[in-house]
Amino acid sequence: MPRTRSRPKTEEKFQNAVLKLVADAGCSALGINAVANLAGADKVLIYRYFGNFNGLLQLVAESRQWLPSADELFHSLPLNSPERCEPLAVLHKISDHLVQHVQADKCTHQLVRWRRTRACPLCLRFSEEWHQLWKELSTQLATHSSTSNTQQRQQWSHACTLLAFTVEAQLCDEPLDHDCLETLAYGLESLDQLPELENLQKLNTHEDVRPPQLMEESLPTNLL
C-alpha cells in the first residue's frame, strides 16, 4: 500500500526545518530549497500548505512568543537586595534576565543578530515584539515609581531605549559603553528613587499612562 502523507506532520517538519536553519546558521540560510531538503519533503508542498515561502516564515514567526513579557521582566527584579531601589541596579537586573533568556534559545539569539539586516517575516515579527517589550517596560517602571511625573516618564523611556541598545549590542558581541546608561540611572535616582518592590509590584493594569515614543535616532550612531 502507498504511504499516506500526513499534512500536519509535514507542516511541522517544514516549521522545524526553518527553526533549525536559523538556529544553526542565521537567517541567511533560509531558502525554500534548504528548508525542503532539511524537512525531507517536496518544496511544492510549501506552496500548497502555506501559499508561498513567506507564508511558512510568517507562521513560524507567529508560533511562539520570542521574548519574556514586560510583566515577567518587571517581576524578576530582586525583592531582598539592598540595592533594589537603585535605578542602575534595576536596569542591570533587567539586562541580565533578558540576556539569559535570549542566549538560552539559539534561534532567538540569531534573530537578535539578524533583525536589522534581514527583511523577512521572522525578523519583522521579532522586531515588533522587541520594540513592544521596551515600550511596555518603560511604562511599568515609570507608572509605578513613587512620583510618576513627565520628567520621570521621559527618563525611564530614555533609559529603556538605551538599555535596549546595550542589550542588543551585548548579544551581538559589539563594543558598548555603559557610562551613558549610568548617567541616565543617576538622573533617575536624583529625581526620585524607586519605591519598595513590594509596592511596585501591585500593578494597576487599568491605568492609562503612555510614555513618549522610543526614539532610536537620539542614540549613539555606533549602536544603530
Protein backbone atom coordinates (compact mmCIF):
# COMPACT_ATOMS: atom_id res chain seq x y z
CA MET A 1 0.00 0.00 0.00
CA PRO A 2 1.25 3.52 -0.80
CA ARG A 3 2.28 5.51 2.24
CA THR A 4 -0.26 8.21 3.15
CA ARG A 5 1.18 11.66 3.70
CA SER A 6 0.20 13.40 6.94
CA ARG A 7 -0.22 17.11 6.28
CA PRO A 8 0.10 18.20 9.94
CA LYS A 9 3.32 16.21 10.33
CA THR A 10 4.74 17.59 7.08
CA GLU A 11 3.86 21.15 8.08
CA GLU A 12 5.61 20.57 11.40
CA LYS A 13 8.69 19.28 9.61
CA PHE A 14 8.83 22.44 7.49
CA GLN A 15 8.47 24.66 10.55
CA ASN A 16 11.12 22.76 12.49
CA ALA A 17 13.44 22.99 9.49
CA VAL A 18 13.08 26.78 9.47
CA LEU A 19 13.90 26.99 13.18
CA LYS A 20 16.91 24.69 12.85
CA LEU A 21 18.35 26.59 9.88
CA VAL A 22 18.02 29.89 11.71
CA ALA A 23 19.47 28.48 14.93
CA ASP A 24 22.45 26.88 13.17
CA ALA A 25 23.35 29.49 10.56
CA GLY A 26 21.14 32.56 10.89
CA CYS A 27 18.51 33.96 8.58
CA SER A 28 20.85 33.99 5.57
CA ALA A 29 20.49 30.20 5.49
CA LEU A 30 16.76 30.42 4.83
CA GLY A 31 15.61 29.38 1.38
CA ILE A 32 12.83 27.23 0.06
CA ASN A 33 15.19 24.55 -1.21
CA ALA A 34 17.19 24.43 2.03
CA VAL A 35 14.01 24.13 4.10
CA ALA A 36 12.54 21.44 1.86
CA ASN A 37 15.76 19.42 1.87
CA LEU A 38 16.09 19.55 5.63
CA ALA A 39 12.42 18.67 6.10
CA GLY A 40 12.74 15.79 3.65
CA ALA A 41 9.69 16.90 1.67
CA ASP A 42 8.95 18.35 -1.74
CA LYS A 43 9.10 22.15 -1.86
CA VAL A 44 5.86 22.14 -3.86
CA LEU A 45 4.12 21.30 -0.58
CA ILE A 46 5.29 24.62 0.87
CA TYR A 47 3.24 26.43 -1.76
CA ARG A 48 0.32 24.06 -1.25
CA TYR A 49 0.27 24.29 2.53
CA PHE A 50 1.43 27.86 3.19
CA GLY A 51 0.71 29.75 -0.04
CA ASN A 52 4.37 30.63 -0.51
CA PHE A 53 7.67 30.58 1.36
CA ASN A 54 6.91 33.80 3.23
CA GLY A 55 3.65 32.24 4.39
CA LEU A 56 5.67 29.49 6.05
CA LEU A 57 8.03 32.01 7.67
CA GLN A 58 5.09 34.08 8.90
CA LEU A 59 3.51 31.02 10.52
CA VAL A 60 6.79 30.18 12.27
CA ALA A 61 7.14 33.81 13.40
CA GLU A 62 3.69 33.73 15.00
CA SER A 63 4.09 30.27 16.51
CA ARG A 64 5.71 31.45 19.72
CA GLN A 65 6.46 34.37 21.98
CA TRP A 66 10.14 35.07 21.39
CA LEU A 67 10.79 37.33 24.37
CA PRO A 68 9.67 37.47 28.00
CA SER A 69 6.81 39.82 28.73
CA ALA A 70 7.26 43.19 30.39
CA ASP A 71 5.49 41.74 33.45
CA GLU A 72 7.98 38.88 33.64
CA LEU A 73 10.94 41.24 33.46
CA PHE A 74 9.37 43.58 35.98
CA HIS A 75 8.74 40.77 38.46
CA SER A 76 12.29 39.50 38.00
CA LEU A 77 13.55 42.49 39.99
CA PRO A 78 15.06 41.42 43.34
CA LEU A 79 12.92 41.58 46.46
CA ASN A 80 15.62 41.13 49.06
CA SER A 81 18.58 43.06 47.67
CA PRO A 82 19.77 46.21 49.46
CA GLU A 83 20.29 47.79 46.04
CA ARG A 84 16.76 47.07 44.87
CA CYS A 85 15.75 50.74 44.91
CA GLU A 86 18.67 51.96 42.81
CA PRO A 87 17.75 52.59 39.14
CA LEU A 88 21.11 51.34 37.85
CA ALA A 89 20.67 48.06 39.73
CA VAL A 90 17.16 47.74 38.29
CA LEU A 91 18.43 48.29 34.73
CA HIS A 92 21.26 45.79 35.16
CA LYS A 93 18.87 43.18 36.57
CA ILE A 94 16.54 43.60 33.60
CA SER A 95 19.50 43.36 31.24
CA ASP A 96 20.81 40.18 32.88
CA HIS A 97 17.42 38.49 32.80
CA LEU A 98 16.80 39.32 29.15
CA VAL A 99 20.29 38.32 28.00
CA GLN A 100 19.95 34.96 29.76
CA HIS A 101 16.54 34.40 28.18
CA VAL A 102 17.77 35.14 24.66
CA GLN A 103 21.00 33.16 24.98
CA ALA A 104 19.05 30.12 26.19
CA ASP A 105 17.47 29.74 22.73
CA LYS A 106 19.78 29.71 19.70
CA CYS A 107 17.04 30.71 17.28
CA THR A 108 16.02 33.74 19.34
CA HIS A 109 19.66 34.74 19.70
CA GLN A 110 20.09 34.61 15.92
CA LEU A 111 17.01 36.78 15.40
CA VAL A 112 18.55 39.47 17.60
CA ARG A 113 21.63 39.36 15.37
CA TRP A 114 19.71 39.40 12.08
CA ARG A 115 16.68 41.57 12.74
CA ARG A 116 18.28 44.77 11.40
CA THR A 117 19.76 43.23 8.28
CA ARG A 118 17.12 40.81 7.02
CA ALA A 119 13.62 41.88 6.00
CA CYS A 120 11.90 38.51 6.37
CA PRO A 121 8.68 37.78 8.30
CA LEU A 122 10.64 36.21 11.15
CA CYS A 123 12.82 39.28 11.67
CA LEU A 124 9.94 41.70 11.23
CA ARG A 125 7.80 39.90 13.78
CA PHE A 126 10.68 39.65 16.23
CA SER A 127 11.43 43.39 15.86
CA GLU A 128 7.79 44.24 16.59
CA GLU A 129 7.91 42.15 19.76
CA TRP A 130 11.28 43.67 20.72
CA HIS A 131 10.06 47.27 20.45
CA GLN A 132 6.76 46.49 22.18
CA LEU A 133 8.58 44.92 25.12
CA TRP A 134 10.64 48.04 25.82
CA LYS A 135 7.65 50.37 25.46
CA GLU A 136 5.59 48.37 27.92
CA LEU A 137 8.50 48.00 30.31
CA SER A 138 9.28 51.72 30.40
CA THR A 139 5.59 52.40 31.07
CA GLN A 140 5.54 50.00 34.01
CA LEU A 141 8.72 51.35 35.55
CA ALA A 142 7.57 54.95 35.21
CA THR A 143 3.98 54.33 36.30
CA HIS A 144 4.99 52.54 39.48
CA SER A 145 7.68 54.95 40.54
CA SER A 146 6.71 56.92 43.61
CA THR A 147 6.39 60.12 41.55
CA SER A 148 5.25 59.40 38.01
CA ASN A 149 5.65 62.86 36.53
CA THR A 150 6.51 63.83 32.98
CA GLN A 151 10.22 64.13 33.65
CA GLN A 152 10.30 60.75 35.38
CA ARG A 153 8.48 59.10 32.46
CA GLN A 154 10.86 60.66 29.96
CA GLN A 155 13.88 59.49 31.93
CA TRP A 156 12.59 55.91 32.14
CA SER A 157 11.74 55.99 28.44
CA HIS A 158 15.26 57.14 27.55
CA ALA A 159 16.82 54.63 29.96
CA CYS A 160 14.87 51.70 28.49
CA THR A 161 15.64 52.81 24.95
CA LEU A 162 19.34 52.93 25.69
CA LEU A 163 19.18 49.68 27.65
CA ALA A 164 17.59 48.01 24.61
CA PHE A 165 20.57 49.04 22.50
CA THR A 166 23.13 47.96 25.07
CA VAL A 167 21.47 44.56 25.47
CA GLU A 168 21.35 44.15 21.71
CA ALA A 169 25.00 45.15 21.38
CA GLN A 170 25.97 42.64 24.06
CA LEU A 171 24.04 39.85 22.33
CA CYS A 172 25.67 40.76 19.01
CA ASP A 173 29.18 40.87 20.54
CA GLU A 174 29.54 44.56 19.74
CA PRO A 175 31.51 47.02 21.89
CA LEU A 176 29.46 49.25 24.17
CA ASP A 177 29.96 51.91 26.78
CA HIS A 178 27.91 51.68 29.97
CA ASP A 179 28.71 55.25 31.04
CA CYS A 180 25.69 56.77 29.30
CA LEU A 181 23.36 54.23 30.96
CA GLU A 182 24.87 55.05 34.34
CA THR A 183 24.33 58.75 33.67
CA LEU A 184 20.65 58.14 32.92
CA ALA A 185 20.32 55.99 36.04
CA TYR A 186 21.89 58.77 38.10
CA GLY A 187 19.33 61.18 36.65
CA LEU A 188 16.51 58.86 37.68
CA GLU A 189 17.96 58.50 41.13
CA SER A 190 18.22 62.23 41.55
CA LEU A 191 14.56 62.66 40.58
CA ASP A 192 13.30 60.04 42.96
CA GLN A 193 14.41 56.55 43.89
CA LEU A 194 12.22 53.60 43.02
CA PRO A 195 9.82 52.64 45.81
CA GLU A 196 9.96 49.27 47.50
CA LEU A 197 9.28 46.49 45.03
CA GLU A 198 6.56 45.07 47.26
CA ASN A 199 4.63 48.28 46.44
CA LEU A 200 5.85 48.43 42.84
CA GLN A 201 4.51 45.01 42.06
CA LYS A 202 0.92 45.90 42.97
CA LEU A 203 0.20 46.56 39.32
CA ASN A 204 -2.81 48.55 38.19
CA THR A 205 -3.44 47.34 34.67
CA HIS A 206 -6.30 49.79 34.13
CA GLU A 207 -4.08 52.86 34.44
CA ASP A 208 -3.52 54.55 31.11
CA VAL A 209 -0.03 56.04 31.10
CA ARG A 210 1.62 56.49 27.75
CA PRO A 211 5.35 57.33 27.76
CA PRO A 212 6.96 59.20 24.87
CA GLN A 213 7.79 57.10 21.81
CA LEU A 214 11.17 55.41 21.97
CA MET A 215 13.40 57.34 19.60
CA GLU A 216 16.29 55.37 18.09
CA GLU A 217 17.52 58.46 16.28
CA SER A 218 18.65 60.06 19.56
CA LEU A 219 21.03 57.24 20.41
CA PRO A 220 24.74 56.91 19.60
CA THR A 221 25.17 56.09 15.92
CA ASN A 222 27.66 53.30 16.60
CA LEU A 223 24.80 51.26 18.08
CA LEU A 224 22.39 51.80 15.16
